Amino acid sequence: MRLDYLKWKEKQKEKKSDERNMNRFAREKSKWQRQARRWGHKHPER
């Protein structure tokens, strides 16, 4: 295997975990927003 291929593979892995983290963050945020609506005020950004 060539070195640039390994580098590319690492980058792909990082990108995937970044996307997972972003998705989790988006889910959390929408959850906070739902709760904020229930409580009648917006959460401060965390």
C-alpha atoms as a PDB file:
ATOM      1  CA  MET A   1       0.000   0.000   0.000  1.00  0.00           C
ATOM      2  CA  ARG A   2       1.199   3.463  -0.826  1.00  0.00           C
ATOM      3  CA  LEU A   3       1.592   6.103   1.847  1.00  0.00           C
ATOM      4  CA  ASP A   4      -0.791   8.586   0.248  1.00  0.00           C
ATOM      5  CA  TYR A   5      -3.464   5.889   0.229  1.00  0.00           C
ATOM      6  CA  LEU A   6      -3.028   5.380   3.968  1.00  0.00           C
ATOM      7  CA  LYS A   7      -3.230   9.132   4.534  1.00  0.00           C
ATOM      8  CA  TRP A   8      -6.406   9.289   2.468  1.00  0.00           C
ATOM      9  CA  LYS A   9      -7.900   6.427   4.461  1.00  0.00           C
ATOM     10  CA  GLU A  10      -7.142   8.220   7.738  1.00  0.00           C
ATOM     11  CA  LYS A  11      -8.750  11.378   6.424  1.00  0.00           C
ATOM     12  CA  GLN A  12     -11.886   9.473   5.411  1.00  0.00           C
ATOM     13  CA  LYS A  13     -12.106   7.960   8.893  1.00  0.00           C
ATOM     14  CA  GLU A  14     -11.779  11.388  10.500  1.00  0.00           C
ATOM     15  CA  LYS A  15     -14.419  12.825   8.208  1.00  0.00           C
ATOM     16  CA  LYS A  16     -16.814  10.039   9.109  1.00  0.00           C
ATOM     17  CA  SER A  17     -16.399  10.579  12.851  1.00  0.00           C
ATOM     18  CA  ASP A  18     -16.768  14.345  12.319  1.00  0.00           C
ATOM     19  CA  GLU A  19     -20.070  13.746  10.543  1.00  0.00           C
ATOM     20  CA  ARG A  20     -21.209  11.479  13.361  1.00  0.00           C
ATOM     21  CA  ASN A  21     -20.332  14.155  15.912  1.00  0.00           C
ATOM     22  CA  MET A  22     -22.156  16.829  13.900  1.00  0.00           C
ATOM     23  CA  ASN A  23     -25.229  14.630  13.677  1.00  0.00           C
ATOM     24  CA  ARG A  24     -25.166  13.993  17.405  1.00  0.00           C
ATOM     25  CA  PHE A  25     -24.763  17.718  18.036  1.00  0.00           C
ATOM     26  CA  ALA A  26     -27.691  18.527  15.754  1.00  0.00           C
ATOM     27  CA  ARG A  27     -29.853  15.950  17.551  1.00  0.00           C
ATOM     28  CA  GLU A  28     -28.911  17.351  20.956  1.00  0.00           C
ATOM     29  CA  LYS A  29     -29.599  20.891  19.777  1.00  0.00           C
ATOM     30  CA  SER A  30     -33.057  20.037  18.464  1.00  0.00           C
ATOM     31  CA  LYS A  31     -33.745  18.259  21.747  1.00  0.00           C
ATOM     32  CA  TRP A  32     -32.803  21.406  23.694  1.00  0.00           C
ATOM     33  CA  GLN A  33     -34.978  23.500  21.404  1.00  0.00           C
ATOM     34  CA  ARG A  34     -37.954  21.205  21.989  1.00  0.00           C
ATOM     35  CA  GLN A  35     -37.431  21.452  25.744  1.00  0.00           C
ATOM     36  CA  ALA A  36     -37.013  25.225  25.517  1.00  0.00           C
ATOM     37  CA  ARG A  37     -40.331  25.481  23.721  1.00  0.00           C
ATOM     38  CA  ARG A  38     -41.948  23.394  26.430  1.00  0.00           C
ATOM     39  CA  TRP A  39     -40.491  25.644  29.119  1.00  0.00           C
ATOM     40  CA  GLY A  40     -41.453  28.791  27.212  1.00  0.00           C
ATOM     41  CA  HIS A  41     -37.917  30.170  26.843  1.00  0.00           C
ATOM     42  CA  LYS A  42     -34.800  29.435  24.845  1.00  0.00           C
ATOM     43  CA  HIS A  43     -31.862  27.628  26.351  1.00  0.00           C
ATOM     44  CA  PRO A  44     -28.630  29.587  26.401  1.00  0.00           C
ATOM     45  CA  GLU A  45     -26.327  28.118  23.792  1.00  0.00           C
ATOM     46  CA  ARG A  46     -24.158  25.456  25.340  1.00  0.00           C
END
